[in-house]
PDB file of N, CA and C in Angstrom:
ATOM      1  N   MET A   1      29.429 123.770  72.891  1.00  0.00           N
ATOM      2  CA  MET A   1      29.918 122.561  73.542  1.00  0.00           C
ATOM      3  C   MET A   1      31.171 122.086  72.809  1.00  0.00           C
ATOM      4  N   THR A   2      32.239 121.848  73.548  1.00  0.00           N
ATOM      5  CA  THR A   2      33.477 121.388  72.928  1.00  0.00           C
ATOM      6  C   THR A   2      33.635 119.905  73.172  1.00  0.00           C
ATOM      7  N   GLU A   3      34.213 119.240  72.197  1.00  0.00           N
ATOM      8  CA  GLU A   3      34.456 117.809  72.346  1.00  0.00           C
ATOM      9  C   GLU A   3      35.750 117.601  73.120  1.00  0.00           C
ATOM     10  N   GLN A   4      35.718 116.637  74.030  1.00  0.00           N
ATOM     11  CA  GLN A   4      36.896 116.310  74.800  1.00  0.00           C
ATOM     12  C   GLN A   4      37.782 115.377  73.987  1.00  0.00           C
ATOM     13  N   ALA A   5      39.087 115.649  74.007  1.00  0.00           N
ATOM     14  CA  ALA A   5      40.025 114.784  73.298  1.00  0.00           C
ATOM     15  C   ALA A   5      40.048 113.415  73.973  1.00  0.00           C
ATOM     16  N   LEU A   6      40.123 112.388  73.172  1.00  0.00           N
ATOM     17  CA  LEU A   6      40.153 111.020  73.687  1.00  0.00           C
ATOM     18  C   LEU A   6      41.584 110.520  73.784  1.00  0.00           C
ATOM     19  N   GLY A   7      41.854 109.751  74.812  1.00  0.00           N
ATOM     20  CA  GLY A   7      43.150 109.139  74.974  1.00  0.00           C
ATOM     21  C   GLY A   7      43.197 107.784  74.300  1.00  0.00           C
ATOM     22  N   PRO A   8      44.350 107.128  74.363  1.00  0.00           N
ATOM     23  CA  PRO A   8      44.469 105.790  73.787  1.00  0.00           C
ATOM     24  C   PRO A   8      43.773 104.755  74.653  1.00  0.00           C
ATOM     25  N   VAL A   9      43.519 103.602  74.085  1.00  0.00           N
ATOM     26  CA  VAL A   9      42.852 102.496  74.781  1.00  0.00           C
ATOM     27  C   VAL A   9      43.710 101.974  75.938  1.00  0.00           C
ATOM     28  N   GLY A  10      45.013 101.982  75.763  1.00  0.00           N
ATOM     29  CA  GLY A  10      45.939 101.526  76.800  1.00  0.00           C
ATOM     30  C   GLY A  10      47.143 102.444  76.855  1.00  0.00           C
ATOM     31  N   GLN A  11      48.138 102.036  77.607  1.00  0.00           N
ATOM     32  CA  GLN A  11      49.327 102.869  77.792  1.00  0.00           C
ATOM     33  C   GLN A  11      50.466 102.516  76.839  1.00  0.00           C
ATOM     34  N   GLU A  12      50.496 101.281  76.390  1.00  0.00           N
ATOM     35  CA  GLU A  12      51.579 100.837  75.509  1.00  0.00           C
ATOM     36  C   GLU A  12      51.080  99.689  74.649  1.00  0.00           C
ATOM     37  N   ILE A  13      51.401  99.714  73.359  1.00  0.00           N
ATOM     38  CA  ILE A  13      51.066  98.598  72.474  1.00  0.00           C
ATOM     39  C   ILE A  13      52.186  97.568  72.578  1.00  0.00           C
ATOM     40  N   LEU A  14      51.813  96.356  72.963  1.00  0.00           N
ATOM     41  CA  LEU A  14      52.786  95.268  73.102  1.00  0.00           C
ATOM     42  C   LEU A  14      52.924  94.452  71.825  1.00  0.00           C
ATOM     43  N   LEU A  15      51.835  94.361  71.052  1.00  0.00           N
ATOM     44  CA  LEU A  15      51.829  93.580  69.820  1.00  0.00           C
ATOM     45  C   LEU A  15      50.737  94.129  68.924  1.00  0.00           C
ATOM     46  N   GLU A  16      51.049  94.234  67.635  1.00  0.00           N
ATOM     47  CA  GLU A  16      50.013  94.609  66.678  1.00  0.00           C
ATOM     48  C   GLU A  16      50.298  93.928  65.352  1.00  0.00           C
ATOM     49  N   ASN A  17      49.228  93.330  64.807  1.00  0.00           N
ATOM     50  CA  ASN A  17      49.306  92.771  63.467  1.00  0.00           C
ATOM     51  C   ASN A  17      47.942  92.963  62.806  1.00  0.00           C
ATOM     52  N   ASP A  18      47.658  92.266  61.716  1.00  0.00           N
ATOM     53  CA  ASP A  18      46.388  92.472  61.006  1.00  0.00           C
ATOM     54  C   ASP A  18      45.189  91.855  61.734  1.00  0.00           C
ATOM     55  N   ARG A  19      45.420  91.067  62.796  1.00  0.00           N
ATOM     56  CA  ARG A  19      44.339  90.394  63.525  1.00  0.00           C
ATOM     57  C   ARG A  19      44.026  91.006  64.891  1.00  0.00           C
ATOM     58  N   VAL A  20      45.092  91.444  65.610  1.00  0.00           N
ATOM     59  CA  VAL A  20      44.923  91.947  66.976  1.00  0.00           C
ATOM     60  C   VAL A  20      45.832  93.135  67.258  1.00  0.00           C
ATOM     61  N   ARG A  21      45.447  93.885  68.273  1.00  0.00           N
ATOM     62  CA  ARG A  21      46.318  94.905  68.865  1.00  0.00           C
ATOM     63  C   ARG A  21      46.256  94.650  70.370  1.00  0.00           C
ATOM     64  N   VAL A  22      47.415  94.437  70.996  1.00  0.00           N
ATOM     65  CA  VAL A  22      47.463  94.124  72.422  1.00  0.00           C
ATOM     66  C   VAL A  22      48.066  95.314  73.170  1.00  0.00           C
ATOM     67  N   TRP A  23      47.280  95.852  74.106  1.00  0.00           N
ATOM     68  CA  TRP A  23      47.686  96.992  74.918  1.00  0.00           C
ATOM     69  C   TRP A  23      48.048  96.537  76.330  1.00  0.00           C
ATOM     70  N   HIS A  24      48.959  97.264  76.948  1.00  0.00           N
ATOM     71  CA  HIS A  24      49.288  97.102  78.369  1.00  0.00           C
ATOM     72  C   HIS A  24      48.701  98.293  79.113  1.00  0.00           C
ATOM     73  N   ILE A  25      48.192  98.049  80.321  1.00  0.00           N
ATOM     74  CA  ILE A  25      47.732  99.126  81.182  1.00  0.00           C
ATOM     75  C   ILE A  25      48.090  98.805  82.623  1.00  0.00           C
ATOM     76  N   THR A  26      48.601  99.798  83.330  1.00  0.00           N
ATOM     77  CA  THR A  26      48.875  99.705  84.761  1.00  0.00           C
ATOM     78  C   THR A  26      48.258 100.925  85.423  1.00  0.00           C
ATOM     79  N   LEU A  27      47.466 100.690  86.476  1.00  0.00           N
ATOM     80  CA  LEU A  27      46.880 101.790  87.238  1.00  0.00           C
ATOM     81  C   LEU A  27      47.175 101.583  88.718  1.00  0.00           C
ATOM     82  N   ALA A  28      47.829 102.560  89.331  1.00  0.00           N
ATOM     83  CA  ALA A  28      48.053 102.532  90.771  1.00  0.00           C
ATOM     84  C   ALA A  28      46.732 102.840  91.476  1.00  0.00           C
ATOM     85  N   PRO A  29      46.604 102.501  92.736  1.00  0.00           N
ATOM     86  CA  PRO A  29      45.387 102.839  93.463  1.00  0.00           C
ATOM     87  C   PRO A  29      45.064 104.332  93.329  1.00  0.00           C
ATOM     88  N   GLY A  30      43.827 104.627  92.947  1.00  0.00           N
ATOM     89  CA  GLY A  30      43.385 106.003  92.768  1.00  0.00           C
ATOM     90  C   GLY A  30      43.666 106.594  91.403  1.00  0.00           C
ATOM     91  N   GLU A  31      44.454 105.919  90.582  1.00  0.00           N
ATOM     92  CA  GLU A  31      44.817 106.435  89.258  1.00  0.00           C
ATOM     93  C   GLU A  31      43.697 106.182  88.252  1.00  0.00           C
ATOM     94  N   THR A  32      43.526 107.136  87.322  1.00  0.00           N
ATOM     95  CA  THR A  32      42.478 107.042  86.307  1.00  0.00           C
ATOM     96  C   THR A  32      43.087 107.068  84.916  1.00  0.00           C
ATOM     97  N   GLN A  33      42.612 106.166  84.078  1.00  0.00           N
ATOM     98  CA  GLN A  33      42.984 106.163  82.665  1.00  0.00           C
ATOM     99  C   GLN A  33      42.124 107.220  81.969  1.00  0.00           C
ATOM    100  N   PRO A  34      42.696 108.002  81.050  1.00  0.00           N
ATOM    101  CA  PRO A  34      41.919 109.042  80.371  1.00  0.00           C
ATOM    102  C   PRO A  34      40.725 108.472  79.600  1.00  0.00           C
ATOM    103  N   LEU A  35      39.769 109.351  79.339  1.00  0.00           N
ATOM    104  CA  LEU A  35      38.611 108.996  78.533  1.00  0.00           C
ATOM    105  C   LEU A  35      39.089 108.451  77.193  1.00  0.00           C
ATOM    106  N   HIS A  36      38.549 107.299  76.788  1.00  0.00           N
ATOM    107  CA  HIS A  36      38.959 106.659  75.535  1.00  0.00           C
ATOM    108  C   HIS A  36      37.770 105.931  74.935  1.00  0.00           C
ATOM    109  N   HIS A  37      37.868 105.631  73.654  1.00  0.00           N
ATOM    110  CA  HIS A  37      36.780 104.969  72.927  1.00  0.00           C
ATOM    111  C   HIS A  37      37.245 103.613  72.417  1.00  0.00           C
ATOM    112  N   HIS A  38      36.376 102.623  72.574  1.00  0.00           N
ATOM    113  CA  HIS A  38      36.659 101.275  72.062  1.00  0.00           C
ATOM    114  C   HIS A  38      35.916 101.096  70.740  1.00  0.00           C
ATOM    115  N   GLY A  39      36.623 101.266  69.639  1.00  0.00           N
ATOM    116  CA  GLY A  39      36.039 101.111  68.317  1.00  0.00           C
ATOM    117  C   GLY A  39      36.017  99.674  67.833  1.00  0.00           C
ATOM    118  N   LEU A  40      36.739  98.798  68.522  1.00  0.00           N
ATOM    119  CA  LEU A  40      36.818  97.378  68.161  1.00  0.00           C
ATOM    120  C   LEU A  40      36.342  96.526  69.336  1.00  0.00           C
ATOM    121  N   ALA A  41      35.826  95.337  69.041  1.00  0.00           N
ATOM    122  CA  ALA A  41      35.553  94.368  70.102  1.00  0.00           C
ATOM    123  C   ALA A  41      36.884  94.060  70.780  1.00  0.00           C
ATOM    124  N   TYR A  42      36.827  93.737  72.081  1.00  0.00           N
ATOM    125  CA  TYR A  42      38.085  93.510  72.780  1.00  0.00           C
ATOM    126  C   TYR A  42      37.916  92.544  73.945  1.00  0.00           C
ATOM    127  N   VAL A  43      39.055  92.008  74.373  1.00  0.00           N
ATOM    128  CA  VAL A  43      39.131  91.101  75.516  1.00  0.00           C
ATOM    129  C   VAL A  43      40.029  91.760  76.550  1.00  0.00           C
ATOM    130  N   VAL A  44      39.581  91.759  77.821  1.00  0.00           N
ATOM    131  CA  VAL A  44      40.377  92.308  78.920  1.00  0.00           C
ATOM    132  C   VAL A  44      40.875  91.143  79.763  1.00  0.00           C
ATOM    133  N   ILE A  45      42.189  91.102  79.995  1.00  0.00           N
ATOM    134  CA  ILE A  45      42.803  90.073  80.826  1.00  0.00           C
ATOM    135  C   ILE A  45      43.434  90.783  82.022  1.00  0.00           C
ATOM    136  N   ALA A  46      42.980  90.439  83.219  1.00  0.00           N
ATOM    137  CA  ALA A  46      43.525  91.036  84.439  1.00  0.00           C
ATOM    138  C   ALA A  46      44.763  90.255  84.857  1.00  0.00           C
ATOM    139  N   VAL A  47      45.932  90.794  84.556  1.00  0.00           N
ATOM    140  CA  VAL A  47      47.188  90.156  84.951  1.00  0.00           C
ATOM    141  C   VAL A  47      47.346  90.258  86.466  1.00  0.00           C
ATOM    142  N   GLN A  48      46.996  91.421  87.012  1.00  0.00           N
ATOM    143  CA  GLN A  48      46.922  91.631  88.457  1.00  0.00           C
ATOM    144  C   GLN A  48      45.633  92.390  88.715  1.00  0.00           C
ATOM    145  N   GLY A  49      44.699  91.756  89.362  1.00  0.00           N
ATOM    146  CA  GLY A  49      43.367  92.309  89.534  1.00  0.00           C
ATOM    147  C   GLY A  49      43.286  93.449  90.526  1.00  0.00           C
ATOM    148  N   ALA A  50      42.155  94.155  90.473  1.00  0.00           N
ATOM    149  CA  ALA A  50      41.877  95.260  91.391  1.00  0.00           C
ATOM    150  C   ALA A  50      40.389  95.567  91.347  1.00  0.00           C
ATOM    151  N   ARG A  51      39.961  96.414  92.251  1.00  0.00           N
ATOM    152  CA  ARG A  51      38.584  96.908  92.273  1.00  0.00           C
ATOM    153  C   ARG A  51      38.577  98.186  91.440  1.00  0.00           C
ATOM    154  N   ASN A  52      37.902  98.141  90.301  1.00  0.00           N
ATOM    155  CA  ASN A  52      37.908  99.258  89.358  1.00  0.00           C
ATOM    156  C   ASN A  52      36.519  99.850  89.187  1.00  0.00           C
ATOM    157  N   VAL A  53      36.495 101.080  88.699  1.00  0.00           N
ATOM    158  CA  VAL A  53      35.246 101.755  88.392  1.00  0.00           C
ATOM    159  C   VAL A  53      35.341 102.277  86.967  1.00  0.00           C
ATOM    160  N   ILE A  54      34.317 101.961  86.163  1.00  0.00           N
ATOM    161  CA  ILE A  54      34.208 102.487  84.805  1.00  0.00           C
ATOM    162  C   ILE A  54      33.221 103.649  84.854  1.00  0.00           C
ATOM    163  N   HIS A  55      33.638 104.810  84.354  1.00  0.00           N
ATOM    164  CA  HIS A  55      32.748 105.964  84.195  1.00  0.00           C
ATOM    165  C   HIS A  55      32.554 106.164  82.698  1.00  0.00           C
ATOM    166  N   THR A  56      31.331 105.947  82.220  1.00  0.00           N
ATOM    167  CA  THR A  56      31.058 106.080  80.790  1.00  0.00           C
ATOM    168  C   THR A  56      30.864 107.540  80.411  1.00  0.00           C
ATOM    169  N   ALA A  57      31.035 107.827  79.133  1.00  0.00           N
ATOM    170  CA  ALA A  57      30.818 109.180  78.625  1.00  0.00           C
ATOM    171  C   ALA A  57      29.372 109.609  78.814  1.00  0.00           C
ATOM    172  N   ALA A  58      28.463 108.637  78.931  1.00  0.00           N
ATOM    173  CA  ALA A  58      27.040 108.922  79.138  1.00  0.00           C
ATOM    174  C   ALA A  58      26.716 109.193  80.607  1.00  0.00           C
ATOM    175  N   GLY A  59      27.722 109.105  81.483  1.00  0.00           N
ATOM    176  CA  GLY A  59      27.515 109.407  82.892  1.00  0.00           C
ATOM    177  C   GLY A  59      27.228 108.219  83.780  1.00  0.00           C
ATOM    178  N   GLU A  60      27.288 107.021  83.233  1.00  0.00           N
ATOM    179  CA  GLU A  60      27.022 105.812  84.016  1.00  0.00           C
ATOM    180  C   GLU A  60      28.269 105.400  84.798  1.00  0.00           C
ATOM    181  N   ARG A  61      28.070 104.891  86.018  1.00  0.00           N
ATOM    182  CA  ARG A  61      29.156 104.349  86.841  1.00  0.00           C
ATOM    183  C   ARG A  61      28.962 102.834  86.928  1.00  0.00           C
ATOM    184  N   ILE A  62      30.033 102.087  86.613  1.00  0.00           N
ATOM    185  CA  ILE A  62      29.980 100.626  86.672  1.00  0.00           C
ATOM    186  C   ILE A  62      31.124 100.158  87.562  1.00  0.00           C
ATOM    187  N   ASP A  63      30.782  99.542  88.694  1.00  0.00           N
ATOM    188  CA  ASP A  63      31.801  98.991  89.591  1.00  0.00           C
ATOM    189  C   ASP A  63      32.173  97.600  89.101  1.00  0.00           C
ATOM    190  N   VAL A  64      33.478  97.365  88.979  1.00  0.00           N
ATOM    191  CA  VAL A  64      33.970  96.104  88.420  1.00  0.00           C
ATOM    192  C   VAL A  64      35.066  95.544  89.328  1.00  0.00           C
ATOM    193  N   GLU A  65      34.848  94.343  89.829  1.00  0.00           N
ATOM    194  CA  GLU A  65      35.886  93.654  90.591  1.00  0.00           C
ATOM    195  C   GLU A  65      36.607  92.736  89.608  1.00  0.00           C
ATOM    196  N   GLU A  66      37.826  93.118  89.230  1.00  0.00           N
ATOM    197  CA  GLU A  66      38.591  92.321  88.268  1.00  0.00           C
ATOM    198  C   GLU A  66      39.555  91.427  89.039  1.00  0.00           C
ATOM    199  N   GLU A  67      39.220  90.162  89.113  1.00  0.00           N
ATOM    200  CA  GLU A  67      40.054  89.188  89.815  1.00  0.00           C
ATOM    201  C   GLU A  67      41.292  88.876  88.974  1.00  0.00           C
ATOM    202  N   THR A  68      42.421  88.651  89.627  1.00  0.00           N
ATOM    203  CA  THR A  68      43.643  88.271  88.924  1.00  0.00           C
ATOM    204  C   THR A  68      43.371  87.041  88.069  1.00  0.00           C
ATOM    205  N   GLY A  69      43.718  87.113  86.796  1.00  0.00           N
ATOM    206  CA  GLY A  69      43.522  85.999  85.870  1.00  0.00           C
ATOM    207  C   GLY A  69      42.184  86.009  85.151  1.00  0.00           C
ATOM    208  N   SER A  70      41.296  86.920  85.517  1.00  0.00           N
ATOM    209  CA  SER A  70      39.978  86.944  84.863  1.00  0.00           C
ATOM    210  C   SER A  70      40.100  87.437  83.426  1.00  0.00           C
ATOM    211  N   VAL A  71      39.173  86.967  82.603  1.00  0.00           N
ATOM    212  CA  VAL A  71      39.133  87.327  81.185  1.00  0.00           C
ATOM    213  C   VAL A  71      37.700  87.713  80.847  1.00  0.00           C
ATOM    214  N   VAL A  72      37.517  88.886  80.211  1.00  0.00           N
ATOM    215  CA  VAL A  72      36.185  89.385  79.876  1.00  0.00           C
ATOM    216  C   VAL A  72      36.175  89.845  78.426  1.00  0.00           C
ATOM    217  N   TYR A  73      35.129  89.456  77.690  1.00  0.00           N
ATOM    218  CA  TYR A  73      34.921  89.937  76.321  1.00  0.00           C
ATOM    219  C   TYR A  73      33.972  91.129  76.371  1.00  0.00           C
ATOM    220  N   ARG A  74      34.278  92.187  75.600  1.00  0.00           N
ATOM    221  CA  ARG A  74      33.407  93.365  75.552  1.00  0.00           C
ATOM    222  C   ARG A  74      33.162  93.769  74.094  1.00  0.00           C
ATOM    223  N   GLU A  75      31.929  94.139  73.827  1.00  0.00           N
ATOM    224  CA  GLU A  75      31.545  94.620  72.489  1.00  0.00           C
ATOM    225  C   GLU A  75      32.122  96.013  72.252  1.00  0.00           C
ATOM    226  N   PRO A  76      32.322  96.397  70.993  1.00  0.00           N
ATOM    227  CA  PRO A  76      32.846  97.729  70.696  1.00  0.00           C
ATOM    228  C   PRO A  76      31.787  98.808  70.942  1.00  0.00           C
ATOM    229  N   GLY A  77      32.258 100.050  70.970  1.00  0.00           N
ATOM    230  CA  GLY A  77      31.354 101.185  70.992  1.00  0.00           C
ATOM    231  C   GLY A  77      31.353 102.007  72.261  1.00  0.00           C
ATOM    232  N   GLN A  78      31.898 101.490  73.348  1.00  0.00           N
ATOM    233  CA  GLN A  78      31.836 102.248  74.596  1.00  0.00           C
ATOM    234  C   GLN A  78      32.959 103.280  74.693  1.00  0.00           C
ATOM    235  N   THR A  79      32.613 104.452  75.210  1.00  0.00           N
ATOM    236  CA  THR A  79      33.586 105.494  75.525  1.00  0.00           C
ATOM    237  C   THR A  79      33.546 105.658  77.037  1.00  0.00           C
ATOM    238  N   HIS A  80      34.698 105.493  77.684  1.00  0.00           N
ATOM    239  CA  HIS A  80      34.729 105.540  79.149  1.00  0.00           C
ATOM    240  C   HIS A  80      36.109 105.854  79.692  1.00  0.00           C
ATOM    241  N   MET A  81      36.160 106.034  81.010  1.00  0.00           N
ATOM    242  CA  MET A  81      37.405 106.143  81.773  1.00  0.00           C
ATOM    243  C   MET A  81      37.422 104.971  82.745  1.00  0.00           C
ATOM    244  N   LEU A  82      38.615 104.549  83.135  1.00  0.00           N
ATOM    245  CA  LEU A  82      38.764 103.466  84.102  1.00  0.00           C
ATOM    246  C   LEU A  82      39.565 103.992  85.275  1.00  0.00           C
ATOM    247  N   THR A  83      39.043 103.807  86.492  1.00  0.00           N
ATOM    248  CA  THR A  83      39.731 104.241  87.705  1.00  0.00           C
ATOM    249  C   THR A  83      39.972 103.040  88.608  1.00  0.00           C
ATOM    250  N   ASN A  84      41.187 102.936  89.130  1.00  0.00           N
ATOM    251  CA  ASN A  84      41.500 101.902  90.112  1.00  0.00           C
ATOM    252  C   ASN A  84      40.996 102.413  91.463  1.00  0.00           C
ATOM    253  N   ALA A  85      39.905 101.845  91.940  1.00  0.00           N
ATOM    254  CA  ALA A  85      39.289 102.270  93.198  1.00  0.00           C
ATOM    255  C   ALA A  85      39.726 101.395  94.368  1.00  0.00           C
ATOM    256  N   GLY A  86      40.652 100.488  94.117  1.00  0.00           N
ATOM    257  CA  GLY A  86      41.097  99.572  95.164  1.00  0.00           C
ATOM    258  C   GLY A  86      42.393 100.028  95.804  1.00  0.00           C
ATOM    259  N   ASP A  87      43.011  99.096  96.520  1.00  0.00           N
ATOM    260  CA  ASP A  87      44.270  99.415  97.205  1.00  0.00           C
ATOM    261  C   ASP A  87      45.435  98.578  96.688  1.00  0.00           C
ATOM    262  N   THR A  88      45.236  97.958  95.504  1.00  0.00           N
ATOM    263  CA  THR A  88      46.305  97.200  94.846  1.00  0.00           C
ATOM    264  C   THR A  88      46.526  97.762  93.446  1.00  0.00           C
ATOM    265  N   VAL A  89      47.700  97.565  92.913  1.00  0.00           N
ATOM    266  CA  VAL A  89      47.999  97.987  91.543  1.00  0.00           C
ATOM    267  C   VAL A  89      47.233  97.098  90.575  1.00  0.00           C
ATOM    268  N   TYR A  90      46.606  97.716  89.575  1.00  0.00           N
ATOM    269  CA  TYR A  90      45.914  96.964  88.519  1.00  0.00           C
ATOM    270  C   TYR A  90      46.835  96.869  87.317  1.00  0.00           C
ATOM    271  N   ILE A  91      47.003  95.662  86.791  1.00  0.00           N
ATOM    272  CA  ILE A  91      47.764  95.438  85.562  1.00  0.00           C
ATOM    273  C   ILE A  91      46.879  94.643  84.626  1.00  0.00           C
ATOM    274  N   GLY A  92      46.670  95.157  83.430  1.00  0.00           N
ATOM    275  CA  GLY A  92      45.804  94.473  82.488  1.00  0.00           C
ATOM    276  C   GLY A  92      46.360  94.446  81.082  1.00  0.00           C
ATOM    277  N   ARG A  93      45.789  93.571  80.303  1.00  0.00           N
ATOM    278  CA  ARG A  93      46.052  93.491  78.870  1.00  0.00           C
ATOM    279  C   ARG A  93      44.709  93.657  78.174  1.00  0.00           C
ATOM    280  N   ILE A  94      44.681  94.487  77.158  1.00  0.00           N
ATOM    281  CA  ILE A  94      43.485  94.696  76.360  1.00  0.00           C
ATOM    282  C   ILE A  94      43.818  94.209  74.958  1.00  0.00           C
ATOM    283  N   VAL A  95      43.083  93.217  74.504  1.00  0.00           N
ATOM    284  CA  VAL A  95      43.319  92.627  73.182  1.00  0.00           C
ATOM    285  C   VAL A  95      42.185  93.073  72.266  1.00  0.00           C
ATOM    286  N   GLU A  96      42.491  94.014  71.374  1.00  0.00           N
ATOM    287  CA  GLU A  96      41.501  94.470  70.404  1.00  0.00           C
ATOM    288  C   GLU A  96      41.473  93.488  69.244  1.00  0.00           C
ATOM    289  N   LEU A  97      40.260  93.102  68.834  1.00  0.00           N
ATOM    290  CA  LEU A  97      40.096  92.106  67.778  1.00  0.00           C
ATOM    291  C   LEU A  97      39.790  92.819  66.467  1.00  0.00           C
ATOM    292  N   LYS A  98      40.743  92.748  65.556  1.00  0.00           N
ATOM    293  CA  LYS A  98      40.586  93.376  64.246  1.00  0.00           C
ATOM    294  C   LYS A  98      39.947  92.386  63.276  1.00  0.00           C
ATOM    295  N   ALA A  99      39.286  92.911  62.264  1.00  0.00           N
ATOM    296  CA  ALA A  99      38.779  92.052  61.201  1.00  0.00           C
ATOM    297  C   ALA A  99      39.973  91.550  60.398  1.00  0.00           C
ATOM    298  N   GLY A 100      39.997  90.278  60.126  1.00  0.00           N
ATOM    299  CA  GLY A 100      41.093  89.702  59.367  1.00  0.00           C
ATOM    300  C   GLY A 100      40.559  88.723  58.342  1.00  0.00           C
ATOM    301  N   PRO A 101      41.439  88.110  57.577  1.00  0.00           N
ATOM    302  CA  PRO A 101      40.999  87.128  56.606  1.00  0.00           C
ATOM    303  C   PRO A 101      40.304  85.951  57.279  1.00  0.00           C
ATOM    304  N   ASP A 102      39.318  85.406  56.619  1.00  0.00           N
ATOM    305  CA  ASP A 102      38.595  84.246  57.128  1.00  0.00           C
ATOM    306  C   ASP A 102      39.530  83.041  57.125  1.00  0.00           C
ATOM    307  N   PRO A 103      39.801  82.419  58.318  1.00  0.00           N
ATOM    308  CA  PRO A 103      40.723  81.297  58.357  1.00  0.00           C
ATOM    309  C   PRO A 103      40.191  80.055  57.633  1.00  0.00           C
ATOM    310  N   ALA A 104      38.883  80.000  57.394  1.00  0.00           N
ATOM    311  CA  ALA A 104      38.309  78.848  56.698  1.00  0.00           C
ATOM    312  C   ALA A 104      38.647  78.988  55.246  1.00  0.00           C
TER     313      ALA A 104
END
C-alpha cells in the first residue's frame, strides 16, 4: 500500500505569523481541492458560499452548504478533499490557529 501525497490546506497563504496562517481557496463548480491534512485547529470563512462536499480519507462523504459570510470552527486532525458541488464559485479563507504566547 502506498501513501498518497498530501496537498496544501489552501491555494495561497495570505498572511502568516506566530499566531495564525491564513489561506485563500477558490473552487469553480465541479473543481476539487487535493487531499490535505489539517494539523491545526482552524476557522473557515466563506467569502462567497457554495454547495460543497467533503470526502474524508476514511471514506466518509459530508455535504456542506456554505452560505456567503458563514464562519465555522473545526478541530484539527481531519484529512479530506473538498469539492464544489454547486453551480457558483466558492471563495474561502482558512485561518489556521497556531499555538502562541499566552496573552494574559
